[in-house]
Amino acid sequence: MINVSDKYIAEFKRLCEKEGIKYETEAEYHKAANNLVNFVDLLVQMDMEHRSWDKRLETEPKGFALPSEGRSCSLCHTMVFGEVWYDKWGMKCMNCHEAFKKKIIPGYVFKDRDNEKHITDSRLADISGLHVQTIRKLIRRGEIKARIVPGGPWVILRKENPDISGVIQAEKDLRKS
């Protein structure tokens, strides 16, 4: 934990006041400045760690296992204790990594954070307002094509479901009537 000197606290206070940010007490200014500095320090440490992983990929291009330390998978968002896999697609739990290796899911889904090329059944349920079991029923009926990660998410690729919005709207309309 880094403690900010009084000189920098005064500068922080001046910048806050310039930006219209006001704290009630000097202690609050100290706390805010220390929190900010420690947050930036954490970001720098995380960036250095990620850069070291990317550097390691130069000698291990297929990826490598890392101690997870409670990190989460970029696809299923499961918090992992044990090991995670890191490769050009980012960090993933071993379950999702196995599905990738078996070609159940393409690698790009791990970097598609804005759901432009894929969406999981649970995320689609959140967005559409339908229950996840309803989404899975549409998958079982063949109205939506999904790739099922054993013990993990059901991944819906947009290129395999060009009319997914129409299917979801039809289901919503059916439920209203």
N, C-alpha and C. Protein backbone atom coordinates (compact mmCIF):
# COMPACT_ATOMS: atom_id res chain seq x y z
N MET A 1 0.85 -1.18 0.00
CA MET A 1 0.00 0.00 0.00
C MET A 1 0.89 1.24 0.00
N ILE A 2 0.61 2.13 -0.90
CA ILE A 2 1.40 3.35 -1.05
C ILE A 2 0.71 4.49 -0.31
N ASN A 3 1.48 5.28 0.45
CA ASN A 3 0.94 6.47 1.09
C ASN A 3 1.46 7.69 0.34
N VAL A 4 0.56 8.57 0.00
CA VAL A 4 0.89 9.76 -0.76
C VAL A 4 1.40 10.85 0.18
N SER A 5 2.46 11.53 -0.24
CA SER A 5 3.05 12.59 0.60
C SER A 5 2.11 13.80 0.67
N ASP A 6 2.33 14.63 1.67
CA ASP A 6 1.50 15.83 1.86
C ASP A 6 1.59 16.77 0.65
N LYS A 7 2.76 16.84 0.05
CA LYS A 7 2.95 17.68 -1.13
C LYS A 7 1.97 17.25 -2.25
N TYR A 8 1.87 15.96 -2.47
CA TYR A 8 0.99 15.47 -3.53
C TYR A 8 -0.49 15.50 -3.12
N ILE A 9 -0.75 15.40 -1.84
CA ILE A 9 -2.13 15.55 -1.35
C ILE A 9 -2.60 16.97 -1.66
N ALA A 10 -1.74 17.96 -1.43
CA ALA A 10 -2.09 19.36 -1.71
C ALA A 10 -2.37 19.54 -3.21
N GLU A 11 -1.54 18.91 -4.06
CA GLU A 11 -1.76 18.99 -5.51
C GLU A 11 -3.06 18.29 -5.89
N PHE A 12 -3.33 17.16 -5.27
CA PHE A 12 -4.57 16.42 -5.52
C PHE A 12 -5.77 17.30 -5.13
N LYS A 13 -5.68 17.94 -3.99
CA LYS A 13 -6.77 18.80 -3.51
C LYS A 13 -7.00 19.95 -4.49
N ARG A 14 -5.90 20.55 -4.99
CA ARG A 14 -6.01 21.65 -5.95
C ARG A 14 -6.70 21.17 -7.23
N LEU A 15 -6.31 20.00 -7.72
CA LEU A 15 -6.93 19.45 -8.94
C LEU A 15 -8.41 19.12 -8.73
N CYS A 16 -8.72 18.59 -7.55
CA CYS A 16 -10.12 18.28 -7.23
C CYS A 16 -10.97 19.55 -7.26
N GLU A 17 -10.49 20.58 -6.60
CA GLU A 17 -11.24 21.83 -6.53
C GLU A 17 -11.40 22.45 -7.92
N LYS A 18 -10.35 22.33 -8.74
CA LYS A 18 -10.40 22.84 -10.12
C LYS A 18 -11.48 22.11 -10.92
N GLU A 19 -11.65 20.82 -10.64
CA GLU A 19 -12.65 20.01 -11.35
C GLU A 19 -14.02 20.03 -10.67
N GLY A 20 -14.15 20.76 -9.57
CA GLY A 20 -15.43 20.86 -8.88
C GLY A 20 -15.71 19.69 -7.95
N ILE A 21 -14.67 18.96 -7.57
CA ILE A 21 -14.82 17.83 -6.65
C ILE A 21 -14.46 18.33 -5.26
N LYS A 22 -15.37 18.14 -4.31
CA LYS A 22 -15.16 18.66 -2.96
C LYS A 22 -15.36 17.56 -1.94
N TYR A 23 -14.39 17.42 -1.05
CA TYR A 23 -14.50 16.50 0.09
C TYR A 23 -14.69 17.33 1.34
N GLU A 24 -15.32 16.76 2.34
CA GLU A 24 -15.64 17.48 3.57
C GLU A 24 -14.42 17.74 4.45
N THR A 25 -13.54 16.74 4.54
CA THR A 25 -12.41 16.87 5.48
C THR A 25 -11.09 16.57 4.78
N GLU A 26 -10.01 16.97 5.46
CA GLU A 26 -8.66 16.66 4.96
C GLU A 26 -8.45 15.15 4.91
N ALA A 27 -9.01 14.45 5.88
CA ALA A 27 -8.87 12.99 5.92
C ALA A 27 -9.49 12.35 4.68
N GLU A 28 -10.60 12.91 4.22
CA GLU A 28 -11.24 12.38 3.01
C GLU A 28 -10.37 12.63 1.77
N TYR A 29 -9.70 13.78 1.71
CA TYR A 29 -8.77 14.05 0.61
C TYR A 29 -7.61 13.04 0.64
N HIS A 30 -7.08 12.80 1.83
CA HIS A 30 -5.98 11.84 1.98
C HIS A 30 -6.43 10.45 1.52
N LYS A 31 -7.61 10.06 1.98
CA LYS A 31 -8.12 8.72 1.64
C LYS A 31 -8.34 8.60 0.13
N ALA A 32 -8.95 9.61 -0.49
CA ALA A 32 -9.23 9.59 -1.92
C ALA A 32 -7.93 9.55 -2.73
N ALA A 33 -6.95 10.36 -2.33
CA ALA A 33 -5.67 10.39 -3.05
C ALA A 33 -4.95 9.05 -2.92
N ASN A 34 -4.93 8.49 -1.73
CA ASN A 34 -4.29 7.18 -1.52
C ASN A 34 -5.01 6.08 -2.30
N ASN A 35 -6.34 6.12 -2.30
CA ASN A 35 -7.10 5.13 -3.07
C ASN A 35 -6.77 5.23 -4.57
N LEU A 36 -6.69 6.45 -5.07
CA LEU A 36 -6.39 6.66 -6.48
C LEU A 36 -4.99 6.14 -6.82
N VAL A 37 -4.01 6.49 -6.02
CA VAL A 37 -2.64 6.05 -6.28
C VAL A 37 -2.54 4.53 -6.20
N ASN A 38 -3.17 3.93 -5.22
CA ASN A 38 -3.11 2.48 -5.09
C ASN A 38 -3.85 1.78 -6.23
N PHE A 39 -4.93 2.38 -6.72
CA PHE A 39 -5.64 1.82 -7.87
C PHE A 39 -4.75 1.86 -9.11
N VAL A 40 -4.11 2.99 -9.34
CA VAL A 40 -3.20 3.11 -10.49
C VAL A 40 -2.05 2.12 -10.35
N ASP A 41 -1.53 1.96 -9.16
CA ASP A 41 -0.45 1.00 -8.93
C ASP A 41 -0.92 -0.42 -9.27
N LEU A 42 -2.12 -0.76 -8.88
CA LEU A 42 -2.69 -2.08 -9.20
C LEU A 42 -2.82 -2.26 -10.71
N LEU A 43 -3.29 -1.23 -11.41
CA LEU A 43 -3.42 -1.30 -12.87
C LEU A 43 -2.06 -1.51 -13.54
N VAL A 44 -1.04 -0.83 -13.04
CA VAL A 44 0.32 -0.98 -13.59
C VAL A 44 0.80 -2.41 -13.36
N GLN A 45 0.58 -2.94 -12.16
CA GLN A 45 1.00 -4.31 -11.87
C GLN A 45 0.28 -5.31 -12.78
N MET A 46 -1.02 -5.11 -12.98
CA MET A 46 -1.79 -6.00 -13.85
C MET A 46 -1.28 -5.92 -15.29
N ASP A 47 -1.00 -4.71 -15.75
CA ASP A 47 -0.48 -4.54 -17.11
C ASP A 47 0.86 -5.24 -17.27
N MET A 48 1.73 -5.11 -16.30
CA MET A 48 3.03 -5.76 -16.37
C MET A 48 2.87 -7.28 -16.39
N GLU A 49 1.94 -7.80 -15.61
CA GLU A 49 1.69 -9.24 -15.58
C GLU A 49 1.19 -9.71 -16.94
N HIS A 50 0.24 -8.99 -17.53
CA HIS A 50 -0.29 -9.36 -18.85
C HIS A 50 0.78 -9.27 -19.93
N ARG A 51 1.63 -8.26 -19.84
CA ARG A 51 2.73 -8.14 -20.81
C ARG A 51 3.70 -9.32 -20.69
N SER A 52 3.93 -9.79 -19.47
CA SER A 52 4.82 -10.94 -19.30
C SER A 52 4.19 -12.20 -19.88
N TRP A 53 2.87 -12.33 -19.76
CA TRP A 53 2.19 -13.48 -20.37
C TRP A 53 2.29 -13.41 -21.89
N ASP A 54 2.07 -12.21 -22.44
CA ASP A 54 2.16 -12.06 -23.90
C ASP A 54 3.58 -12.33 -24.39
N LYS A 55 4.56 -11.93 -23.61
CA LYS A 55 5.96 -12.21 -23.96
C LYS A 55 6.21 -13.73 -23.92
N ARG A 56 5.64 -14.39 -22.94
CA ARG A 56 5.79 -15.84 -22.83
C ARG A 56 5.16 -16.56 -24.02
N LEU A 57 4.11 -15.98 -24.58
CA LEU A 57 3.46 -16.58 -25.76
C LEU A 57 4.41 -16.66 -26.96
N GLU A 58 5.43 -15.81 -26.99
CA GLU A 58 6.40 -15.85 -28.08
C GLU A 58 7.15 -17.18 -28.08
N THR A 59 7.40 -17.75 -26.91
CA THR A 59 8.11 -19.03 -26.83
C THR A 59 7.15 -20.21 -26.66
N GLU A 60 5.92 -19.92 -26.24
CA GLU A 60 4.90 -20.96 -26.07
C GLU A 60 3.63 -20.53 -26.82
N PRO A 61 3.66 -20.51 -28.16
CA PRO A 61 2.56 -19.94 -28.93
C PRO A 61 1.21 -20.66 -28.78
N LYS A 62 1.23 -21.91 -28.35
CA LYS A 62 -0.04 -22.62 -28.15
C LYS A 62 -0.68 -22.31 -26.81
N GLY A 63 0.05 -21.60 -25.97
CA GLY A 63 -0.48 -21.20 -24.68
C GLY A 63 0.12 -21.99 -23.54
N PHE A 64 -0.35 -21.68 -22.33
CA PHE A 64 0.20 -22.30 -21.13
C PHE A 64 -0.79 -22.14 -19.98
N ALA A 65 -0.62 -23.01 -18.99
CA ALA A 65 -1.46 -22.96 -17.79
C ALA A 65 -0.85 -21.98 -16.78
N LEU A 66 -1.73 -21.30 -16.08
CA LEU A 66 -1.33 -20.36 -15.02
C LEU A 66 -2.11 -20.68 -13.75
N PRO A 67 -1.54 -20.40 -12.58
CA PRO A 67 -2.35 -20.51 -11.37
C PRO A 67 -3.47 -19.46 -11.45
N SER A 68 -4.68 -19.89 -11.19
CA SER A 68 -5.81 -18.99 -11.44
C SER A 68 -5.96 -17.88 -10.41
N GLU A 69 -5.66 -18.16 -9.16
CA GLU A 69 -5.77 -17.17 -8.09
C GLU A 69 -7.13 -16.47 -8.10
N GLY A 70 -8.18 -17.21 -8.42
CA GLY A 70 -9.54 -16.65 -8.41
C GLY A 70 -9.91 -15.88 -9.64
N ARG A 71 -9.11 -15.96 -10.71
CA ARG A 71 -9.46 -15.28 -11.96
C ARG A 71 -10.67 -15.97 -12.58
N SER A 72 -11.31 -15.29 -13.53
CA SER A 72 -12.49 -15.89 -14.16
C SER A 72 -12.27 -16.07 -15.66
N CYS A 73 -13.01 -17.03 -16.19
CA CYS A 73 -12.96 -17.37 -17.61
C CYS A 73 -13.62 -16.25 -18.41
N SER A 74 -13.02 -15.91 -19.55
CA SER A 74 -13.57 -14.83 -20.37
C SER A 74 -14.85 -15.23 -21.09
N LEU A 75 -15.17 -16.53 -21.17
CA LEU A 75 -16.41 -16.96 -21.82
C LEU A 75 -17.51 -17.27 -20.82
N CYS A 76 -17.26 -18.21 -19.91
CA CYS A 76 -18.33 -18.62 -18.99
C CYS A 76 -18.36 -17.80 -17.71
N HIS A 77 -17.33 -16.99 -17.48
CA HIS A 77 -17.22 -16.09 -16.32
C HIS A 77 -17.18 -16.83 -14.99
N THR A 78 -16.86 -18.11 -15.02
CA THR A 78 -16.71 -18.88 -13.79
C THR A 78 -15.43 -18.46 -13.09
N MET A 79 -15.53 -18.23 -11.78
CA MET A 79 -14.33 -17.93 -11.01
C MET A 79 -13.59 -19.25 -10.79
N VAL A 80 -12.32 -19.26 -11.17
CA VAL A 80 -11.55 -20.49 -11.18
C VAL A 80 -10.52 -20.49 -10.06
N PHE A 81 -10.45 -21.61 -9.37
CA PHE A 81 -9.40 -21.85 -8.38
C PHE A 81 -8.67 -23.09 -8.85
N GLY A 82 -7.40 -23.00 -9.04
CA GLY A 82 -6.61 -24.08 -9.62
C GLY A 82 -5.79 -23.49 -10.75
N GLU A 83 -6.13 -23.87 -11.98
CA GLU A 83 -5.40 -23.36 -13.14
C GLU A 83 -6.34 -22.82 -14.20
N VAL A 84 -5.85 -21.83 -14.94
CA VAL A 84 -6.54 -21.30 -16.12
C VAL A 84 -5.56 -21.46 -17.29
N TRP A 85 -6.10 -21.39 -18.50
CA TRP A 85 -5.27 -21.47 -19.70
C TRP A 85 -5.18 -20.09 -20.31
N TYR A 86 -3.97 -19.72 -20.75
CA TYR A 86 -3.77 -18.42 -21.40
C TYR A 86 -3.13 -18.66 -22.76
N ASP A 87 -3.74 -18.11 -23.81
CA ASP A 87 -3.19 -18.19 -25.16
C ASP A 87 -3.58 -16.92 -25.91
N LYS A 88 -3.42 -16.93 -27.22
CA LYS A 88 -3.70 -15.71 -28.01
C LYS A 88 -5.14 -15.25 -27.87
N TRP A 89 -6.03 -16.13 -27.43
CA TRP A 89 -7.43 -15.76 -27.25
C TRP A 89 -7.73 -15.22 -25.86
N GLY A 90 -6.74 -15.23 -24.98
CA GLY A 90 -6.94 -14.71 -23.64
C GLY A 90 -7.03 -15.82 -22.61
N MET A 91 -7.67 -15.51 -21.50
CA MET A 91 -7.75 -16.43 -20.37
C MET A 91 -9.06 -17.21 -20.42
N LYS A 92 -8.95 -18.51 -20.11
CA LYS A 92 -10.14 -19.35 -20.10
C LYS A 92 -10.00 -20.45 -19.06
N CYS A 93 -11.12 -20.92 -18.56
CA CYS A 93 -11.09 -22.06 -17.65
C CYS A 93 -10.72 -23.30 -18.46
N MET A 94 -10.29 -24.33 -17.77
CA MET A 94 -9.86 -25.55 -18.46
C MET A 94 -11.03 -26.22 -19.17
N ASN A 95 -12.23 -26.08 -18.65
CA ASN A 95 -13.41 -26.66 -19.29
C ASN A 95 -13.67 -26.01 -20.65
N CYS A 96 -13.66 -24.69 -20.70
CA CYS A 96 -13.86 -23.98 -21.97
C CYS A 96 -12.67 -24.21 -22.91
N HIS A 97 -11.47 -24.34 -22.34
CA HIS A 97 -10.29 -24.61 -23.17
C HIS A 97 -10.42 -25.98 -23.85
N GLU A 98 -10.92 -26.97 -23.12
CA GLU A 98 -11.13 -28.30 -23.72
C GLU A 98 -12.14 -28.22 -24.86
N ALA A 99 -13.21 -27.46 -24.67
CA ALA A 99 -14.22 -27.30 -25.73
C ALA A 99 -13.61 -26.63 -26.95
N PHE A 100 -12.72 -25.68 -26.73
CA PHE A 100 -12.02 -25.03 -27.83
C PHE A 100 -11.11 -26.03 -28.56
N LYS A 101 -10.34 -26.80 -27.78
CA LYS A 101 -9.43 -27.79 -28.38
C LYS A 101 -10.21 -28.83 -29.20
N LYS A 102 -11.41 -29.19 -28.74
CA LYS A 102 -12.24 -30.19 -29.45
C LYS A 102 -13.04 -29.55 -30.58
N LYS A 103 -12.81 -28.24 -30.81
CA LYS A 103 -13.45 -27.48 -31.87
C LYS A 103 -14.98 -27.39 -31.72
N ILE A 104 -15.45 -27.44 -30.47
CA ILE A 104 -16.86 -27.22 -30.20
C ILE A 104 -17.18 -25.74 -30.37
N ILE A 105 -16.24 -24.90 -29.91
CA ILE A 105 -16.41 -23.45 -30.02
C ILE A 105 -15.17 -22.85 -30.68
N PRO A 106 -15.35 -21.78 -31.47
CA PRO A 106 -14.20 -21.12 -32.08
C PRO A 106 -13.49 -20.21 -31.07
N GLY A 107 -12.22 -19.95 -31.32
CA GLY A 107 -11.42 -19.13 -30.41
C GLY A 107 -11.91 -17.71 -30.27
N TYR A 108 -12.49 -17.16 -31.33
CA TYR A 108 -12.87 -15.74 -31.27
C TYR A 108 -13.89 -15.43 -30.19
N VAL A 109 -14.65 -16.42 -29.73
CA VAL A 109 -15.65 -16.14 -28.70
C VAL A 109 -15.03 -15.66 -27.40
N PHE A 110 -13.76 -16.00 -27.18
CA PHE A 110 -13.10 -15.59 -25.94
C PHE A 110 -12.73 -14.11 -25.94
N LYS A 111 -12.60 -13.50 -27.11
CA LYS A 111 -12.25 -12.08 -27.19
C LYS A 111 -13.45 -11.21 -27.58
N ASP A 112 -14.57 -11.83 -27.86
CA ASP A 112 -15.77 -11.12 -28.32
C ASP A 112 -16.57 -10.62 -27.12
N ARG A 113 -16.00 -9.67 -26.39
CA ARG A 113 -16.62 -9.20 -25.15
C ARG A 113 -17.91 -8.40 -25.38
N ASP A 114 -18.07 -7.83 -26.56
CA ASP A 114 -19.28 -7.06 -26.84
C ASP A 114 -20.37 -7.89 -27.50
N ASN A 115 -20.18 -9.19 -27.55
CA ASN A 115 -21.16 -10.12 -28.12
C ASN A 115 -21.56 -9.76 -29.54
N GLU A 116 -20.59 -9.34 -30.35
CA GLU A 116 -20.87 -9.01 -31.74
C GLU A 116 -20.95 -10.26 -32.61
N LYS A 117 -20.19 -11.32 -32.24
CA LYS A 117 -20.15 -12.53 -33.06
C LYS A 117 -20.77 -13.74 -32.37
N HIS A 118 -21.03 -13.65 -31.10
CA HIS A 118 -21.62 -14.75 -30.36
C HIS A 118 -22.37 -14.19 -29.15
N ILE A 119 -23.15 -15.06 -28.55
CA ILE A 119 -23.81 -14.73 -27.29
C ILE A 119 -24.09 -16.04 -26.57
N THR A 120 -24.02 -16.04 -25.25
CA THR A 120 -24.35 -17.25 -24.50
C THR A 120 -25.85 -17.26 -24.21
N ASP A 121 -26.35 -18.43 -23.90
CA ASP A 121 -27.78 -18.55 -23.61
C ASP A 121 -28.20 -17.67 -22.43
N SER A 122 -27.35 -17.60 -21.40
CA SER A 122 -27.71 -16.80 -20.22
C SER A 122 -27.69 -15.30 -20.55
N ARG A 123 -26.73 -14.86 -21.35
CA ARG A 123 -26.68 -13.45 -21.73
C ARG A 123 -27.87 -13.09 -22.62
N LEU A 124 -28.22 -14.00 -23.55
CA LEU A 124 -29.38 -13.76 -24.41
C LEU A 124 -30.66 -13.68 -23.57
N ALA A 125 -30.75 -14.52 -22.55
CA ALA A 125 -31.91 -14.47 -21.66
C ALA A 125 -31.98 -13.12 -20.95
N ASP A 126 -30.84 -12.63 -20.46
CA ASP A 126 -30.80 -11.33 -19.79
C ASP A 126 -31.26 -10.22 -20.72
N ILE A 127 -30.73 -10.22 -21.93
CA ILE A 127 -31.04 -9.15 -22.89
C ILE A 127 -32.49 -9.20 -23.36
N SER A 128 -32.97 -10.41 -23.63
CA SER A 128 -34.31 -10.55 -24.21
C SER A 128 -35.42 -10.48 -23.19
N GLY A 129 -35.09 -10.73 -21.94
CA GLY A 129 -36.13 -10.76 -20.91
C GLY A 129 -36.82 -12.11 -20.83
N LEU A 130 -36.36 -13.08 -21.62
CA LEU A 130 -36.90 -14.43 -21.56
C LEU A 130 -36.10 -15.23 -20.54
N HIS A 131 -36.70 -16.26 -19.99
CA HIS A 131 -36.00 -17.13 -19.05
C HIS A 131 -35.01 -17.99 -19.83
N VAL A 132 -33.88 -18.31 -19.20
CA VAL A 132 -32.84 -19.12 -19.87
C VAL A 132 -33.40 -20.47 -20.33
N GLN A 133 -34.36 -21.02 -19.57
CA GLN A 133 -34.96 -22.30 -20.00
C GLN A 133 -35.77 -22.14 -21.28
N THR A 134 -36.35 -20.98 -21.49
CA THR A 134 -37.07 -20.71 -22.74
C THR A 134 -36.10 -20.67 -23.91
N ILE A 135 -34.95 -20.03 -23.69
CA ILE A 135 -33.91 -19.97 -24.73
C ILE A 135 -33.45 -21.40 -25.06
N ARG A 136 -33.25 -22.20 -24.04
CA ARG A 136 -32.81 -23.58 -24.26
C ARG A 136 -33.89 -24.41 -24.96
N LYS A 137 -35.14 -24.10 -24.69
CA LYS A 137 -36.23 -24.80 -25.38
C LYS A 137 -36.19 -24.47 -26.87
N LEU A 138 -35.94 -23.20 -27.20
CA LEU A 138 -35.82 -22.80 -28.61
C LEU A 138 -34.64 -23.51 -29.27
N ILE A 139 -33.59 -23.73 -28.51
CA ILE A 139 -32.42 -24.45 -29.03
C ILE A 139 -32.79 -25.91 -29.28
N ARG A 140 -33.43 -26.55 -28.30
CA ARG A 140 -33.82 -27.95 -28.47
C ARG A 140 -34.78 -28.14 -29.64
N ARG A 141 -35.67 -27.16 -29.88
CA ARG A 141 -36.61 -27.24 -31.01
C ARG A 141 -35.93 -26.94 -32.34
N GLY A 142 -34.67 -26.49 -32.30
CA GLY A 142 -33.93 -26.21 -33.53
C GLY A 142 -34.16 -24.83 -34.10
N GLU A 143 -34.87 -23.98 -33.37
CA GLU A 143 -35.12 -22.62 -33.85
C GLU A 143 -33.88 -21.74 -33.67
N ILE A 144 -33.05 -22.12 -32.72
CA ILE A 144 -31.76 -21.47 -32.50
C ILE A 144 -30.71 -22.57 -32.49
N LYS A 145 -29.62 -22.35 -33.21
CA LYS A 145 -28.52 -23.31 -33.22
C LYS A 145 -27.50 -22.88 -32.18
N ALA A 146 -27.10 -23.82 -31.33
CA ALA A 146 -26.13 -23.51 -30.28
C ALA A 146 -25.06 -24.58 -30.22
N ARG A 147 -23.94 -24.20 -29.68
CA ARG A 147 -22.84 -25.13 -29.42
C ARG A 147 -22.74 -25.24 -27.91
N ILE A 148 -22.86 -26.45 -27.43
CA ILE A 148 -22.92 -26.67 -25.99
C ILE A 148 -21.57 -27.10 -25.46
N VAL A 149 -21.04 -26.31 -24.55
CA VAL A 149 -19.79 -26.65 -23.86
C VAL A 149 -20.19 -27.58 -22.72
N PRO A 150 -19.72 -28.84 -22.72
CA PRO A 150 -20.09 -29.76 -21.64
C PRO A 150 -19.78 -29.16 -20.27
N GLY A 151 -20.80 -29.05 -19.44
CA GLY A 151 -20.63 -28.47 -18.11
C GLY A 151 -20.43 -26.97 -18.14
N GLY A 152 -20.73 -26.33 -19.25
CA GLY A 152 -20.50 -24.89 -19.39
C GLY A 152 -21.62 -24.20 -20.13
N PRO A 153 -21.32 -23.08 -20.76
CA PRO A 153 -22.36 -22.30 -21.42
C PRO A 153 -22.82 -22.90 -22.74
N TRP A 154 -23.97 -22.48 -23.18
CA TRP A 154 -24.49 -22.80 -24.50
C TRP A 154 -24.16 -21.58 -25.35
N VAL A 155 -23.33 -21.75 -26.35
CA VAL A 155 -22.81 -20.64 -27.15
C VAL A 155 -23.57 -20.56 -28.47
N ILE A 156 -24.12 -19.39 -28.73
CA ILE A 156 -24.90 -19.14 -29.94
C ILE A 156 -24.08 -18.23 -30.84
N LEU A 157 -23.66 -18.75 -31.99
CA LEU A 157 -22.88 -17.95 -32.94
C LEU A 157 -23.83 -17.17 -33.82
N ARG A 158 -23.58 -15.90 -33.97
CA ARG A 158 -24.47 -15.05 -34.78
C ARG A 158 -24.50 -15.48 -36.23
N LYS A 159 -23.35 -15.95 -36.79
CA LYS A 159 -23.33 -16.35 -38.19
C LYS A 159 -24.17 -17.61 -38.43
N GLU A 160 -24.39 -18.41 -37.41
CA GLU A 160 -25.24 -19.59 -37.54
C GLU A 160 -26.70 -19.29 -37.21
N ASN A 161 -26.97 -18.09 -36.75
CA ASN A 161 -28.32 -17.67 -36.35
C ASN A 161 -28.60 -16.26 -36.85
N PRO A 162 -28.64 -16.06 -38.17
CA PRO A 162 -28.81 -14.71 -38.69
C PRO A 162 -30.15 -14.07 -38.32
N ASP A 163 -31.19 -14.88 -38.03
CA ASP A 163 -32.50 -14.33 -37.70
C ASP A 163 -32.85 -14.52 -36.23
N ILE A 164 -31.84 -14.47 -35.37
CA ILE A 164 -32.08 -14.72 -33.94
C ILE A 164 -33.03 -13.69 -33.34
N SER A 165 -32.94 -12.44 -33.79
CA SER A 165 -33.85 -11.40 -33.27
C SER A 165 -35.29 -11.73 -33.60
N GLY A 166 -35.52 -12.23 -34.82
CA GLY A 166 -36.88 -12.62 -35.22
C GLY A 166 -37.41 -13.78 -34.40
N VAL A 167 -36.55 -14.75 -34.12
CA VAL A 167 -36.96 -15.91 -33.31
C VAL A 167 -37.33 -15.46 -31.90
N ILE A 168 -36.52 -14.61 -31.32
CA ILE A 168 -36.78 -14.11 -29.96
C ILE A 168 -38.07 -13.29 -29.94
N GLN A 169 -38.25 -12.41 -30.94
CA GLN A 169 -39.47 -11.59 -30.98
C GLN A 169 -40.71 -12.46 -31.15
N ALA A 170 -40.63 -13.49 -31.99
CA ALA A 170 -41.76 -14.39 -32.19
C ALA A 170 -42.11 -15.09 -30.89
N GLU A 171 -41.12 -15.50 -30.14
CA GLU A 171 -41.37 -16.15 -28.84
C GLU A 171 -42.00 -15.19 -27.86
N LYS A 172 -41.54 -13.95 -27.84
CA LYS A 172 -42.13 -12.93 -26.96
C LYS A 172 -43.59 -12.68 -27.34
N ASP A 173 -43.85 -12.55 -28.66
CA ASP A 173 -45.22 -12.32 -29.14
C ASP A 173 -46.13 -13.49 -28.76
N LEU A 174 -45.60 -14.70 -28.89
CA LEU A 174 -46.37 -15.90 -28.54
C LEU A 174 -46.74 -15.88 -27.06
N ARG A 175 -45.82 -15.44 -26.22
CA ARG A 175 -46.06 -15.40 -24.77
C ARG A 175 -47.07 -14.32 -24.41
N LYS A 176 -47.13 -13.25 -25.18
CA LYS A 176 -48.08 -12.16 -24.90
C LYS A 176 -49.52 -12.59 -25.20
N SER A 177 -49.69 -13.43 -26.22
CA SER A 177 -51.06 -13.79 -26.64
C SER A 177 -51.67 -14.86 -25.79
